[in-house]
N, C-alpha and C. Protein backbone atom coordinates (compact mmCIF):
# COMPACT_ATOMS: atom_id res chain seq x y z
N MET A 1 -9.34 5.30 -28.44
CA MET A 1 -8.16 6.46 -28.53
C MET A 1 -8.13 7.15 -27.15
N PHE A 2 -6.85 7.20 -26.66
CA PHE A 2 -6.83 8.08 -25.54
C PHE A 2 -5.82 9.40 -25.63
N THR A 3 -6.09 10.33 -24.55
CA THR A 3 -5.09 11.20 -24.57
C THR A 3 -3.91 11.31 -23.85
N GLY A 4 -3.69 10.20 -23.07
CA GLY A 4 -2.66 9.85 -22.35
C GLY A 4 -2.43 10.74 -21.04
N ILE A 5 -3.57 11.24 -20.77
CA ILE A 5 -3.77 12.26 -19.51
C ILE A 5 -4.40 11.35 -18.48
N VAL A 6 -4.02 11.09 -17.24
CA VAL A 6 -4.48 10.34 -16.21
C VAL A 6 -5.86 11.13 -15.70
N GLU A 7 -6.99 10.44 -15.81
CA GLU A 7 -8.06 11.11 -15.25
C GLU A 7 -8.35 10.75 -13.79
N GLU A 8 -8.12 9.38 -13.49
CA GLU A 8 -8.16 9.03 -12.09
C GLU A 8 -7.32 8.00 -11.79
N THR A 9 -7.03 7.72 -10.46
CA THR A 9 -6.20 6.36 -9.97
C THR A 9 -7.06 5.35 -9.39
N GLY A 10 -6.99 4.12 -9.67
CA GLY A 10 -7.63 3.11 -9.03
C GLY A 10 -6.63 2.09 -8.27
N ARG A 11 -7.36 1.08 -7.49
CA ARG A 11 -6.58 0.21 -6.92
C ARG A 11 -7.06 -1.20 -7.30
N ILE A 12 -5.77 -2.01 -7.30
CA ILE A 12 -6.07 -3.05 -7.67
C ILE A 12 -6.71 -3.92 -6.52
N GLU A 13 -8.04 -4.55 -6.71
CA GLU A 13 -8.83 -5.18 -5.65
C GLU A 13 -8.66 -6.58 -5.58
N ALA A 14 -8.33 -7.39 -6.79
CA ALA A 14 -8.20 -8.54 -6.82
C ALA A 14 -7.54 -9.03 -8.02
N VAL A 15 -6.61 -10.09 -7.97
CA VAL A 15 -5.86 -10.69 -9.11
C VAL A 15 -6.30 -12.19 -9.12
N GLU A 16 -6.68 -12.65 -10.22
CA GLU A 16 -7.03 -13.89 -10.39
C GLU A 16 -6.24 -14.70 -11.67
N ASP A 17 -5.30 -15.51 -11.57
CA ASP A 17 -4.73 -16.16 -12.31
C ASP A 17 -5.43 -17.26 -12.99
N THR A 18 -5.62 -17.43 -14.37
CA THR A 18 -6.30 -18.47 -14.90
C THR A 18 -5.32 -19.19 -15.96
N ASP A 19 -5.57 -20.24 -16.63
CA ASP A 19 -5.00 -20.90 -17.46
C ASP A 19 -4.91 -19.99 -18.77
N ALA A 20 -5.72 -19.25 -19.11
CA ALA A 20 -5.43 -18.37 -20.16
C ALA A 20 -4.98 -16.91 -20.03
N GLY A 21 -4.66 -16.74 -18.76
CA GLY A 21 -4.02 -15.19 -18.62
C GLY A 21 -4.46 -14.83 -17.12
N ARG A 22 -4.80 -13.70 -16.99
CA ARG A 22 -5.03 -12.94 -15.69
C ARG A 22 -6.28 -12.19 -15.79
N ARG A 23 -7.02 -12.13 -14.68
CA ARG A 23 -8.11 -11.15 -14.56
C ARG A 23 -7.83 -10.25 -13.51
N LEU A 24 -8.11 -8.90 -13.51
CA LEU A 24 -7.94 -7.86 -12.54
C LEU A 24 -9.24 -7.25 -12.27
N ARG A 25 -9.54 -7.04 -10.75
CA ARG A 25 -10.65 -6.36 -10.50
C ARG A 25 -10.14 -5.08 -10.02
N ILE A 26 -10.65 -3.91 -10.39
CA ILE A 26 -9.78 -2.47 -10.19
C ILE A 26 -11.04 -1.50 -9.62
N THR A 27 -10.80 -0.92 -8.36
CA THR A 27 -11.64 0.10 -8.12
C THR A 27 -11.71 1.56 -8.78
N THR A 28 -12.89 2.04 -8.78
CA THR A 28 -12.93 3.17 -9.69
C THR A 28 -14.12 4.13 -9.30
N ALA A 29 -14.04 5.40 -9.32
CA ALA A 29 -15.20 6.29 -9.03
C ALA A 29 -15.81 6.55 -10.30
N PHE A 30 -15.43 6.05 -11.50
CA PHE A 30 -16.22 6.45 -12.91
C PHE A 30 -17.60 5.73 -12.75
N GLU A 31 -18.47 6.62 -13.29
CA GLU A 31 -19.94 6.18 -13.16
C GLU A 31 -20.35 5.84 -14.72
N ASP A 32 -19.37 6.10 -15.63
CA ASP A 32 -19.90 5.87 -17.07
C ASP A 32 -19.45 4.77 -17.67
N LEU A 33 -18.91 3.60 -17.27
CA LEU A 33 -18.17 2.64 -17.99
C LEU A 33 -19.32 1.69 -18.50
N THR A 34 -18.96 0.81 -19.25
CA THR A 34 -20.10 -0.28 -19.57
C THR A 34 -19.30 -1.55 -19.85
N ALA A 35 -19.88 -2.79 -19.96
CA ALA A 35 -19.02 -3.67 -20.37
C ALA A 35 -18.71 -3.63 -21.71
N GLY A 36 -17.52 -4.07 -22.17
CA GLY A 36 -17.11 -3.80 -23.70
C GLY A 36 -16.44 -2.52 -23.81
N ALA A 37 -16.38 -1.67 -22.93
CA ALA A 37 -15.80 -0.51 -23.26
C ALA A 37 -14.32 -0.53 -23.25
N SER A 38 -13.54 0.34 -23.71
CA SER A 38 -12.31 0.43 -23.62
C SER A 38 -11.75 1.39 -22.46
N ILE A 39 -10.78 0.97 -21.77
CA ILE A 39 -10.24 1.92 -20.64
C ILE A 39 -8.66 1.79 -20.92
N ALA A 40 -8.19 2.73 -20.45
CA ALA A 40 -6.53 2.78 -20.54
C ALA A 40 -5.98 2.58 -18.75
N VAL A 41 -5.50 1.44 -18.81
CA VAL A 41 -4.95 1.24 -17.24
C VAL A 41 -3.53 1.16 -17.35
N ASP A 42 -2.86 2.21 -16.66
CA ASP A 42 -1.22 2.33 -16.70
C ASP A 42 -0.92 2.40 -18.20
N GLY A 43 -1.91 3.14 -18.98
CA GLY A 43 -1.50 3.35 -20.40
C GLY A 43 -1.72 2.61 -21.36
N ALA A 44 -2.18 1.16 -20.98
CA ALA A 44 -2.45 0.00 -22.01
C ALA A 44 -4.09 0.07 -22.05
N CYS A 45 -4.63 -0.26 -23.33
CA CYS A 45 -5.93 -0.27 -23.75
C CYS A 45 -6.45 -1.57 -23.34
N LEU A 46 -7.43 -1.74 -22.39
CA LEU A 46 -8.09 -2.92 -22.07
C LEU A 46 -9.49 -2.78 -22.16
N THR A 47 -10.15 -3.96 -22.24
CA THR A 47 -11.57 -4.04 -22.54
C THR A 47 -12.21 -4.27 -21.07
N VAL A 48 -13.27 -3.63 -20.86
CA VAL A 48 -13.87 -3.84 -19.37
C VAL A 48 -14.90 -4.91 -19.65
N GLU A 49 -14.57 -5.91 -18.62
CA GLU A 49 -15.62 -7.22 -18.73
C GLU A 49 -16.92 -6.89 -17.75
N GLU A 50 -16.63 -6.60 -16.69
CA GLU A 50 -17.59 -6.37 -15.84
C GLU A 50 -17.67 -5.09 -15.13
N TYR A 51 -18.79 -4.46 -14.74
CA TYR A 51 -18.83 -3.07 -14.07
C TYR A 51 -19.82 -2.73 -13.18
N GLU A 52 -19.42 -2.24 -11.85
CA GLU A 52 -20.23 -1.82 -10.76
C GLU A 52 -20.07 -0.44 -10.79
N PRO A 53 -21.21 0.58 -11.19
CA PRO A 53 -20.81 1.82 -11.21
C PRO A 53 -20.35 2.33 -10.12
N GLY A 54 -19.33 3.32 -10.16
CA GLY A 54 -18.80 4.04 -8.94
C GLY A 54 -17.92 3.17 -8.04
N LYS A 55 -17.84 2.03 -8.39
CA LYS A 55 -17.02 0.98 -7.36
C LYS A 55 -16.11 0.36 -8.00
N ARG A 56 -16.03 -0.60 -8.83
CA ARG A 56 -15.12 -1.39 -9.47
C ARG A 56 -15.44 -1.91 -11.01
N PHE A 57 -14.16 -2.36 -11.66
CA PHE A 57 -14.59 -2.91 -12.95
C PHE A 57 -13.80 -4.28 -12.96
N SER A 58 -13.80 -5.22 -14.13
CA SER A 58 -12.83 -6.02 -14.28
C SER A 58 -12.30 -6.12 -15.64
N VAL A 59 -11.09 -6.56 -15.72
CA VAL A 59 -10.66 -6.70 -17.22
C VAL A 59 -9.62 -8.24 -17.27
N PHE A 60 -9.70 -8.69 -18.45
CA PHE A 60 -9.10 -9.75 -18.62
C PHE A 60 -7.70 -9.57 -19.35
N LEU A 61 -6.79 -10.04 -19.10
CA LEU A 61 -5.32 -10.05 -19.79
C LEU A 61 -4.98 -11.29 -20.29
N ALA A 62 -5.04 -11.41 -21.51
CA ALA A 62 -4.47 -12.66 -22.11
C ALA A 62 -3.03 -12.73 -22.13
N GLU A 63 -2.51 -13.88 -22.49
CA GLU A 63 -0.95 -14.01 -22.29
C GLU A 63 -0.14 -13.13 -22.71
N GLU A 64 -0.64 -12.84 -24.32
CA GLU A 64 0.21 -11.78 -24.89
C GLU A 64 0.14 -10.52 -24.33
N THR A 65 -1.06 -9.98 -23.66
CA THR A 65 -0.84 -8.66 -22.98
C THR A 65 0.02 -8.72 -21.63
N LEU A 66 0.16 -9.93 -21.19
CA LEU A 66 0.98 -10.22 -19.89
C LEU A 66 2.53 -10.13 -20.19
N ALA A 67 2.62 -10.79 -21.62
CA ALA A 67 3.93 -10.83 -21.89
C ALA A 67 4.46 -9.15 -22.71
N ARG A 68 3.73 -8.37 -22.77
CA ARG A 68 3.95 -7.10 -23.31
C ARG A 68 4.10 -5.82 -22.27
N THR A 69 3.38 -6.20 -21.16
CA THR A 69 3.19 -5.11 -20.27
C THR A 69 3.86 -5.60 -18.82
N THR A 70 3.48 -4.64 -17.77
CA THR A 70 4.05 -5.17 -16.51
C THR A 70 2.86 -5.62 -15.80
N PHE A 71 1.81 -5.75 -16.18
CA PHE A 71 0.71 -6.48 -15.54
C PHE A 71 0.89 -7.75 -14.74
N ASP A 72 1.95 -8.55 -15.28
CA ASP A 72 2.50 -9.65 -14.68
C ASP A 72 2.84 -9.57 -13.27
N ARG A 73 3.19 -8.06 -12.97
CA ARG A 73 3.81 -8.22 -11.46
C ARG A 73 3.03 -7.27 -10.83
N VAL A 74 1.60 -6.85 -11.41
CA VAL A 74 0.68 -6.25 -10.29
C VAL A 74 0.22 -7.15 -9.10
N ARG A 75 -0.05 -6.31 -7.96
CA ARG A 75 -0.32 -7.23 -6.88
C ARG A 75 -1.69 -6.49 -6.41
N GLU A 76 -2.45 -7.15 -5.70
CA GLU A 76 -3.79 -6.63 -4.64
C GLU A 76 -3.03 -5.44 -3.93
N GLY A 77 -3.82 -4.24 -3.95
CA GLY A 77 -3.41 -3.24 -3.25
C GLY A 77 -2.56 -2.10 -4.06
N ASP A 78 -2.02 -2.64 -5.16
CA ASP A 78 -1.20 -1.66 -6.20
C ASP A 78 -2.30 -0.48 -6.65
N GLY A 79 -1.57 0.63 -6.90
CA GLY A 79 -2.37 1.75 -7.51
C GLY A 79 -2.08 1.66 -9.12
N VAL A 80 -2.98 2.08 -9.90
CA VAL A 80 -2.97 2.10 -11.33
C VAL A 80 -3.63 3.28 -11.80
N ASN A 81 -3.00 3.88 -12.92
CA ASN A 81 -3.38 5.16 -13.49
C ASN A 81 -4.72 4.64 -14.61
N LEU A 82 -5.78 5.62 -14.46
CA LEU A 82 -7.06 5.28 -15.43
C LEU A 82 -7.29 6.29 -16.14
N GLU A 83 -7.86 6.22 -17.62
CA GLU A 83 -8.41 7.06 -18.33
C GLU A 83 -9.40 6.44 -19.33
N LEU A 84 -10.45 7.27 -19.54
CA LEU A 84 -11.75 6.68 -20.21
C LEU A 84 -11.29 6.93 -21.75
N ALA A 85 -12.02 6.20 -22.66
CA ALA A 85 -11.41 6.32 -24.06
C ALA A 85 -11.99 7.84 -24.32
N MET A 86 -11.45 8.50 -25.34
CA MET A 86 -11.82 9.69 -25.73
C MET A 86 -13.03 9.74 -26.71
N ALA A 87 -13.83 10.83 -26.69
CA ALA A 87 -14.76 10.71 -27.50
C ALA A 87 -14.27 11.67 -28.76
N ALA A 88 -14.69 11.21 -29.96
CA ALA A 88 -14.19 12.00 -31.03
C ALA A 88 -14.49 13.41 -31.29
N ASP A 89 -15.95 13.48 -30.98
CA ASP A 89 -16.46 14.98 -30.99
C ASP A 89 -16.34 15.97 -29.78
N GLU A 90 -15.24 15.47 -29.02
CA GLU A 90 -15.08 16.68 -27.96
C GLU A 90 -13.77 17.08 -28.02
N ARG A 91 -13.37 18.29 -27.44
CA ARG A 91 -12.20 18.85 -27.27
C ARG A 91 -11.18 17.93 -26.30
N PHE A 92 -10.04 17.85 -26.69
CA PHE A 92 -9.11 17.06 -25.64
C PHE A 92 -7.76 17.69 -25.63
N ASP A 93 -6.99 17.38 -24.21
CA ASP A 93 -5.80 17.81 -24.43
C ASP A 93 -4.71 16.76 -24.34
N GLY A 94 -3.44 16.75 -24.35
CA GLY A 94 -2.77 15.93 -24.36
C GLY A 94 -2.25 15.24 -25.86
N HIS A 95 -2.12 14.16 -26.16
CA HIS A 95 -1.59 13.58 -27.51
C HIS A 95 -2.88 12.39 -27.75
N VAL A 96 -2.88 12.11 -28.93
CA VAL A 96 -3.85 11.03 -29.49
C VAL A 96 -3.03 9.85 -29.46
N VAL A 97 -3.18 8.90 -28.46
CA VAL A 97 -2.64 7.60 -28.31
C VAL A 97 -3.45 6.52 -28.38
N GLN A 98 -3.13 5.32 -28.86
CA GLN A 98 -4.04 3.98 -29.02
C GLN A 98 -3.97 3.42 -27.67
N GLY A 99 -2.88 3.26 -26.88
CA GLY A 99 -2.76 2.60 -25.93
C GLY A 99 -2.55 0.92 -25.98
N HIS A 100 -2.09 0.73 -27.28
CA HIS A 100 -1.64 -0.50 -27.76
C HIS A 100 -0.08 -0.70 -27.34
N VAL A 101 0.24 -1.70 -26.78
CA VAL A 101 1.67 -1.85 -26.05
C VAL A 101 2.43 -2.91 -27.09
N ASP A 102 3.54 -2.39 -27.76
CA ASP A 102 4.26 -3.15 -28.54
C ASP A 102 5.65 -3.72 -27.60
N GLY A 103 5.94 -3.43 -26.58
CA GLY A 103 6.94 -4.02 -25.93
C GLY A 103 7.40 -3.21 -24.66
N THR A 104 8.27 -3.62 -23.71
CA THR A 104 8.45 -2.99 -22.51
C THR A 104 10.15 -2.74 -22.48
N THR A 105 10.78 -1.96 -21.68
CA THR A 105 11.92 -1.79 -21.52
C THR A 105 12.41 -1.59 -20.07
N ALA A 106 13.49 -1.37 -19.83
CA ALA A 106 13.89 -1.12 -18.62
C ALA A 106 14.40 0.14 -18.71
N ILE A 107 14.36 0.92 -17.26
CA ILE A 107 14.69 2.44 -17.35
C ILE A 107 16.38 2.20 -16.69
N ALA A 108 17.07 2.79 -17.61
CA ALA A 108 18.44 2.73 -17.40
C ALA A 108 19.10 3.81 -16.36
N ASP A 109 18.44 4.95 -16.55
CA ASP A 109 18.76 6.02 -15.67
C ASP A 109 17.84 7.01 -15.42
N ILE A 110 17.73 7.59 -14.26
CA ILE A 110 16.89 8.64 -14.09
C ILE A 110 17.72 10.02 -13.27
N GLU A 111 17.39 11.10 -14.19
CA GLU A 111 18.23 12.34 -13.43
C GLU A 111 17.36 13.51 -13.49
N ARG A 112 17.62 14.39 -12.46
CA ARG A 112 16.63 15.64 -12.51
C ARG A 112 17.10 16.73 -13.50
N ILE A 113 16.30 17.19 -14.16
CA ILE A 113 16.54 18.25 -15.01
C ILE A 113 15.43 19.33 -14.76
N GLY A 114 15.90 20.51 -14.41
CA GLY A 114 14.86 21.45 -13.80
C GLY A 114 13.96 21.12 -12.68
N ASP A 115 12.75 21.16 -12.61
CA ASP A 115 11.71 20.61 -11.80
C ASP A 115 11.47 19.44 -12.03
N GLY A 116 11.83 18.56 -12.88
CA GLY A 116 11.15 17.29 -13.26
C GLY A 116 12.22 16.23 -13.52
N PRO A 117 11.69 14.95 -13.56
CA PRO A 117 12.82 13.76 -13.98
C PRO A 117 13.05 13.63 -15.36
N ALA A 118 14.01 13.55 -15.83
CA ALA A 118 14.17 12.68 -17.25
C ALA A 118 14.76 11.22 -17.06
N SER A 119 14.42 10.39 -17.83
CA SER A 119 14.60 9.06 -17.96
C SER A 119 15.31 8.60 -19.17
N LYS A 120 16.25 7.49 -19.12
CA LYS A 120 16.84 7.05 -20.12
C LYS A 120 16.47 5.60 -20.22
N ALA A 121 16.08 5.17 -21.26
CA ALA A 121 15.60 3.67 -21.27
C ALA A 121 16.59 3.03 -22.23
N ARG A 122 16.71 1.74 -21.90
CA ARG A 122 17.74 0.98 -22.46
C ARG A 122 17.37 0.48 -23.88
């Protein structure tokens, strides 16, 4: 589970396409990840495959994940939003979200309302 609040930004360091999907290597300053941990990358819940503390981690994206997210369009050098999974016994802000992606849609319009943007999806 996640709160939906971005804790850090990372950068796509490497993209490797395979027959079964795509592997991403992402830079991070997080010191407390482990292989098998859940991490939200641009809001999608992914599983850490490998981790170098304070440097980078890798995740594998199966075809289904690629079909339901925008990860099929990421390139080396792209920035991504990161959030560690929340602990059940700690205070949290934001909202409780799973990070499981059901589908994608296109933004039909963006307009400024007050100090921030509002978007309309198709």
